[in-house]
Amino acid sequence: MKIAKEVRIGLVVAIAILVFFTGFYFLKGSNLFSGENNFYADYDNVQGLTPSAVVQIKGVNVGKVTDINLDSKVRVTLAIDKKVHIPVGTKAELISLDLLGTKAIRLDLTNSSEYAKNGDVLPAAVESGIIDNISSEISPLVTDVRATVAMLDSVLTGINGIVNKQTQENIAGSIASLNETMHHFSSLSNRLDKESEQIAGIVDNANSITTNLKDNNEHISNILKNAEATTDQLSKAPIEQTVKNLQSTSDQLNTLMAKINNGEGSAGMLVNDKQLYNELTQALAKMKELMADLKSHPSRYINVSVFGKKQKDK
């Protein structure tokens, strides 16, 4: 069957109109091919919310804003997929999706076993935006910064009054002295670095000494005990009596030597009598001569006869 040209043109126009309206309602957030439930929420200020804004539950898109009407309050129409059940008491909270301020509706579900019906009005709430939160936190800081800046300005003014030319010169001299001190400190540090091996050797020797002391601790303890015992014995010894005895003996010896020097007694006479000394010397000399003669002519002094006959001297 041949279709007339006018009919074909009419069909094309009808299809175009259908596509147009379908796209229009789709862009508005309405889905013509699936069932939706409409819910309402009243706000004092929607903060730039626009139709076609998404409706989310736990970050999942479940619907769109289809209409916004201004009356005593701003009534927002929410088109929610019929597959999603909305418990009674669920809040429709106006939120910001990003830093640019894109608005959306977030449904905070309750634990109610009853579900809202098509056309019900949901409780409305508004979440503080990120910028608002930042502003509320920064405002006290700005106040503190202003106070600090004012105080700093006062301090700088006072410093400018105190730091005159002479003070500046003194500060410059102090800085120069500090630089010189740091230079000396750097030189000292370099010397210590060069002598680090020697210092390490000294430390090793000290460690060796302490190790030896630790190893000989028992021996040292015995020495100290012996020294303590010796000092204890000395403390108990009659040193004072011994000293007195020595002093008495020394006095007696001095008296004896004095008597001998004065010629008292036999020893004194023997020591101080020169004539006795000479006679003793002569007697010793004669005794030596006698011994020599006895050695040379023993027969003069010893007469021994084997057969009873007396021998003649030679």
Protein backbone atom coordinates (compact mmCIF):
# COMPACT_ATOMS: atom_id res chain seq x y z
CA MET A 1 0.00 0.00 0.00
CA LYS A 2 1.37 3.31 -1.02
CA ILE A 3 1.50 5.91 1.80
CA ALA A 4 0.72 9.41 0.82
CA LYS A 5 3.40 12.02 1.08
CA GLU A 6 1.34 14.08 3.52
CA VAL A 7 0.96 11.09 5.84
CA ARG A 8 4.69 10.47 5.85
CA ILE A 9 5.35 14.11 6.63
CA GLY A 10 2.82 13.96 9.49
CA LEU A 11 4.44 10.84 10.95
CA VAL A 12 7.88 12.46 10.85
CA VAL A 13 6.56 15.59 12.57
CA ALA A 14 4.79 13.52 15.22
CA ILE A 15 7.94 11.49 15.92
CA ALA A 16 9.99 14.69 16.10
CA ILE A 17 7.52 16.22 18.57
CA LEU A 18 7.58 13.03 20.68
CA VAL A 19 11.38 13.00 20.74
CA PHE A 20 11.43 16.67 21.67
CA PHE A 21 9.04 16.28 24.60
CA THR A 22 10.81 13.13 25.73
CA GLY A 23 14.16 14.93 25.73
CA PHE A 24 12.65 17.98 27.40
CA TYR A 25 11.19 16.00 30.31
CA PHE A 26 14.35 13.92 30.56
CA LEU A 27 16.41 17.06 30.94
CA LYS A 28 13.96 18.24 33.59
CA GLY A 29 14.51 15.01 35.49
CA SER A 30 11.36 13.16 34.56
CA ASN A 31 11.47 9.66 33.20
CA LEU A 32 8.54 8.99 30.90
CA PHE A 33 9.28 5.28 30.63
CA SER A 34 9.41 4.33 34.28
CA GLY A 35 7.11 4.88 37.21
CA GLU A 36 7.96 7.55 39.78
CA ASN A 37 6.56 8.74 43.08
CA ASN A 38 6.45 12.44 43.77
CA PHE A 39 7.38 13.77 47.21
CA TYR A 40 7.58 17.34 48.43
CA ALA A 41 9.86 19.28 50.75
CA ASP A 42 9.51 22.90 51.93
CA TYR A 43 12.62 25.10 52.41
CA ASP A 44 13.18 28.66 53.55
CA ASN A 45 16.03 29.00 51.06
CA VAL A 46 17.11 26.51 48.40
CA GLN A 47 20.50 28.29 47.89
CA GLY A 48 20.48 28.00 44.10
CA LEU A 49 18.89 24.55 43.76
CA THR A 50 17.67 24.03 40.19
CA PRO A 51 15.26 21.57 38.53
CA SER A 52 16.95 18.36 37.38
CA ALA A 53 19.19 18.39 40.46
CA VAL A 54 19.86 14.84 41.62
CA VAL A 55 18.30 13.15 44.63
CA GLN A 56 20.64 10.73 46.40
CA ILE A 57 20.49 8.03 49.04
CA LYS A 58 23.95 7.17 50.42
CA GLY A 59 25.56 8.66 47.32
CA VAL A 60 23.36 6.74 44.84
CA ASN A 61 21.12 8.72 42.46
CA VAL A 62 17.48 7.62 43.00
CA GLY A 63 15.62 10.55 41.50
CA LYS A 64 15.62 14.18 40.44
CA VAL A 65 14.14 17.52 41.34
CA THR A 66 11.30 18.10 38.89
CA ASP A 67 9.81 21.38 40.06
CA ILE A 68 10.47 24.34 42.37
CA ASN A 69 7.60 26.61 43.38
CA LEU A 70 7.88 29.80 45.44
CA ASP A 71 5.12 30.50 47.94
CA SER A 72 5.44 31.36 51.64
CA LYS A 73 8.21 28.77 51.44
CA VAL A 74 10.00 27.18 48.55
CA ARG A 75 8.35 23.86 47.71
CA VAL A 76 10.56 21.40 45.92
CA THR A 77 9.08 18.43 44.05
CA LEU A 78 11.13 15.23 44.19
CA ALA A 79 10.52 12.49 41.64
CA ILE A 80 11.74 9.18 43.19
CA ASP A 81 11.85 5.82 41.47
CA LYS A 82 8.97 3.61 42.61
CA LYS A 83 11.41 0.81 43.30
CA VAL A 84 12.88 2.88 46.15
CA HIS A 85 10.88 2.78 49.36
CA ILE A 86 11.05 5.88 51.51
CA PRO A 87 10.45 5.26 55.26
CA VAL A 88 8.22 7.70 57.14
CA GLY A 89 10.26 10.52 58.72
CA THR A 90 13.00 10.50 56.09
CA LYS A 91 14.63 13.93 55.82
CA ALA A 92 15.21 15.66 52.51
CA GLU A 93 18.47 17.51 53.21
CA LEU A 94 19.74 20.19 50.86
CA ILE A 95 23.51 19.63 50.36
CA SER A 96 26.44 20.86 48.26
CA LEU A 97 28.06 18.23 46.04
CA ASP A 98 31.34 20.07 45.42
CA LEU A 99 33.31 23.23 46.12
CA LEU A 100 31.55 24.98 43.23
CA GLY A 101 28.29 24.87 45.15
CA THR A 102 26.37 22.36 43.02
CA LYS A 103 23.22 21.60 45.00
CA ALA A 104 21.44 18.29 45.44
CA ILE A 105 18.95 16.59 47.77
CA ARG A 106 20.09 13.82 50.08
CA LEU A 107 17.53 11.54 51.68
CA ASP A 108 18.44 10.48 55.23
CA LEU A 109 16.41 7.31 55.72
CA THR A 110 14.93 6.36 59.07
CA ASN A 111 14.36 2.89 60.55
CA SER A 112 10.58 3.16 60.37
CA SER A 113 8.73 0.11 59.05
CA GLU A 114 6.11 2.37 57.42
CA TYR A 115 6.78 3.95 54.03
CA ALA A 116 5.81 7.38 52.73
CA LYS A 117 3.18 7.48 50.03
CA ASN A 118 3.11 9.30 46.73
CA GLY A 119 2.45 13.01 47.38
CA ASP A 120 3.68 13.06 51.01
CA VAL A 121 5.68 16.01 52.31
CA LEU A 122 9.10 15.03 53.68
CA PRO A 123 10.83 16.93 56.52
CA ALA A 124 13.32 19.40 55.09
CA ALA A 125 16.83 20.19 56.33
CA VAL A 126 19.77 22.23 55.06
CA GLU A 127 23.38 21.12 55.44
CA SER A 128 25.97 23.79 56.12
CA GLY A 129 28.08 24.29 53.03
CA ILE A 130 31.81 23.73 52.92
CA ILE A 131 32.40 27.45 52.45
CA ASP A 132 30.18 28.20 55.43
CA ASN A 133 32.09 25.73 57.59
CA ILE A 134 35.40 27.16 56.47
CA SER A 135 34.17 30.67 57.12
CA SER A 136 32.95 29.78 60.60
CA GLU A 137 36.35 28.27 61.43
CA ILE A 138 38.39 31.05 59.81
CA SER A 139 36.48 33.94 61.38
CA PRO A 140 37.96 33.45 64.89
CA LEU A 141 41.38 33.01 63.32
CA VAL A 142 41.00 36.26 61.40
CA THR A 143 40.12 38.03 64.65
CA ASP A 144 43.18 36.56 66.37
CA VAL A 145 45.40 37.48 63.41
CA ARG A 146 44.17 41.05 63.52
CA ALA A 147 44.93 41.28 67.24
CA THR A 148 48.35 39.72 66.68
CA VAL A 149 49.14 42.11 63.84
CA ALA A 150 48.16 45.06 66.04
CA MET A 151 50.38 43.78 68.85
CA LEU A 152 53.23 43.15 66.41
CA ASP A 153 52.88 46.67 65.09
CA SER A 154 53.14 48.01 68.63
CA VAL A 155 56.20 45.87 69.30
CA LEU A 156 57.88 47.00 66.09
CA THR A 157 57.13 50.61 66.97
CA GLY A 158 58.75 50.12 70.37
CA ILE A 159 61.75 48.39 68.81
CA ASN A 160 62.20 51.24 66.33
CA GLY A 161 62.23 53.62 69.28
CA ILE A 162 64.79 51.55 71.21
CA VAL A 163 67.10 50.55 68.36
CA ASN A 164 68.91 53.81 67.62
CA LYS A 165 72.09 54.20 65.61
CA GLN A 166 74.37 53.35 68.55
CA THR A 167 72.33 50.24 69.33
CA GLN A 168 72.47 49.18 65.69
CA GLU A 169 76.25 49.55 65.75
CA ASN A 170 76.44 47.49 68.94
CA ILE A 171 74.28 44.78 67.39
CA ALA A 172 76.48 44.78 64.29
CA GLY A 173 79.57 44.43 66.51
CA SER A 174 77.93 41.59 68.43
CA ILE A 175 77.11 39.82 65.19
CA ALA A 176 80.71 40.27 64.01
CA SER A 177 81.98 38.84 67.33
CA LEU A 178 79.55 35.97 66.99
CA ASN A 179 80.86 35.27 63.48
CA GLU A 180 84.43 35.28 64.80
CA THR A 181 83.42 32.91 67.61
CA MET A 182 81.76 30.60 65.12
CA HIS A 183 84.94 30.68 63.02
CA HIS A 184 87.03 29.65 66.06
CA PHE A 185 84.48 27.00 66.89
CA SER A 186 84.73 25.67 63.34
CA SER A 187 88.54 25.55 63.64
CA LEU A 188 88.24 23.71 66.95
CA SER A 189 85.82 21.28 65.37
CA ASN A 190 88.27 20.61 62.54
CA ARG A 191 91.07 19.96 65.02
CA LEU A 192 88.86 17.58 66.96
CA ASP A 193 88.05 15.78 63.72
CA LYS A 194 91.77 15.38 62.99
CA GLU A 195 92.45 14.09 66.50
CA SER A 196 89.42 11.84 66.58
CA GLU A 197 91.59 8.72 66.20
CA GLN A 198 93.72 9.71 69.22
CA ILE A 199 90.61 10.48 71.24
CA ALA A 200 89.19 7.11 70.22
CA GLY A 201 92.42 5.47 71.41
CA ILE A 202 92.15 7.27 74.76
CA VAL A 203 88.58 6.11 75.10
CA ASP A 204 89.63 2.55 74.25
CA ASN A 205 92.38 2.71 76.88
CA ALA A 206 89.91 4.03 79.44
CA ASN A 207 87.55 1.20 78.57
CA SER A 208 90.43 -1.28 78.92
CA ILE A 209 91.33 0.13 82.35
CA THR A 210 87.75 -0.03 83.56
CA THR A 211 87.49 -3.58 82.21
CA ASN A 212 90.65 -4.59 84.11
CA LEU A 213 89.34 -2.96 87.26
CA LYS A 214 86.11 -4.85 86.84
CA ASP A 215 87.93 -8.15 86.27
CA ASN A 216 90.21 -7.56 89.31
CA ASN A 217 87.44 -6.30 91.51
CA GLU A 218 87.66 -9.30 93.83
CA HIS A 219 91.44 -8.98 94.14
CA ILE A 220 91.16 -5.27 94.89
CA SER A 221 88.51 -6.03 97.50
CA ASN A 222 90.91 -8.51 99.17
CA ILE A 223 93.70 -5.92 99.20
CA LEU A 224 91.39 -3.39 100.79
CA LYS A 225 90.30 -5.96 103.37
CA ASN A 226 93.97 -6.76 104.19
CA ALA A 227 94.77 -3.07 104.46
CA GLU A 228 91.78 -2.60 106.72
CA ALA A 229 92.90 -5.56 108.89
CA THR A 230 96.45 -4.16 109.08
CA THR A 231 95.25 -0.70 110.08
CA ASP A 232 92.96 -2.32 112.64
CA GLN A 233 95.91 -4.25 114.13
CA LEU A 234 98.02 -1.11 114.14
CA SER A 235 95.25 0.76 115.88
CA LYS A 236 95.10 -1.97 118.53
CA ALA A 237 98.93 -2.27 118.94
CA PRO A 238 100.54 -0.60 122.08
CA ILE A 239 102.44 1.90 119.96
CA GLU A 240 102.45 4.54 122.66
CA GLN A 241 104.01 2.14 125.23
CA THR A 242 106.59 1.01 122.67
CA VAL A 243 107.54 4.62 121.96
CA LYS A 244 107.88 5.25 125.68
CA ASN A 245 110.13 2.18 126.03
CA LEU A 246 112.28 3.34 123.12
CA GLN A 247 112.52 6.78 124.66
CA SER A 248 113.55 5.28 128.02
CA THR A 249 116.16 3.04 126.35
CA SER A 250 117.48 6.03 124.43
CA ASP A 251 117.76 8.04 127.64
CA GLN A 252 119.67 5.20 129.37
CA LEU A 253 122.01 4.83 126.37
CA ASN A 254 122.66 8.58 126.40
CA THR A 255 123.47 8.39 130.18
CA LEU A 256 125.82 5.46 129.60
CA MET A 257 127.62 7.26 126.77
CA ALA A 258 127.91 10.35 128.95
CA LYS A 259 129.52 8.30 131.76
CA ILE A 260 131.91 6.65 129.31
CA ASN A 261 132.88 10.04 127.91
CA ASN A 262 133.40 11.34 131.45
CA GLY A 263 135.63 8.36 132.33
CA GLU A 264 133.25 6.91 134.87
CA GLY A 265 133.25 3.16 135.43
CA SER A 266 135.50 0.51 133.96
CA ALA A 267 134.39 1.17 130.39
CA GLY A 268 134.95 4.90 130.87
CA MET A 269 138.41 4.37 132.32
CA LEU A 270 139.25 1.90 129.58
CA VAL A 271 138.19 4.33 126.90
CA ASN A 272 139.71 7.50 128.42
CA ASP A 273 142.99 6.16 130.02
CA LYS A 274 145.77 6.78 127.43
CA GLN A 275 148.41 4.94 129.42
CA LEU A 276 146.24 1.83 129.58
CA TYR A 277 145.80 2.12 125.86
CA ASN A 278 149.57 2.27 125.32
CA GLU A 279 150.20 -0.67 127.67
CA LEU A 280 147.54 -2.73 125.88
CA THR A 281 149.15 -1.82 122.55
CA GLN A 282 152.62 -2.90 123.84
CA ALA A 283 151.15 -6.12 125.26
CA LEU A 284 149.52 -6.94 121.93
CA ALA A 285 152.82 -6.26 120.14
CA LYS A 286 154.71 -8.59 122.51
CA MET A 287 152.03 -11.21 122.10
CA LYS A 288 152.47 -11.03 118.31
CA GLU A 289 156.26 -11.46 118.75
CA LEU A 290 155.67 -14.43 121.07
CA MET A 291 153.32 -16.07 118.61
CA ALA A 292 155.82 -15.56 115.81
CA ASP A 293 158.64 -17.06 117.92
CA LEU A 294 156.37 -19.94 118.95
CA LYS A 295 155.65 -20.60 115.33
CA SER A 296 159.36 -20.46 114.42
CA HIS A 297 160.81 -22.41 117.45
CA PRO A 298 158.09 -24.55 118.89
CA SER A 299 160.61 -26.82 120.62
CA ARG A 300 161.55 -24.03 122.98
CA TYR A 301 158.09 -24.11 124.43
CA ILE A 302 156.91 -27.68 123.86
CA ASN A 303 159.29 -30.55 124.92
CA VAL A 304 157.94 -33.94 123.86
CA SER A 305 160.19 -37.09 124.05
CA VAL A 306 158.98 -40.31 122.60
CA PHE A 307 161.54 -42.48 124.34
CA GLY A 308 162.13 -40.29 127.37
CA LYS A 309 165.18 -38.47 125.98
CA LYS A 310 165.17 -34.69 126.01
CA GLN A 311 165.83 -33.04 122.68
CA LYS A 312 168.23 -30.20 122.43
CA ASP A 313 167.27 -26.89 121.02
CA LYS A 314 168.49 -26.17 117.63
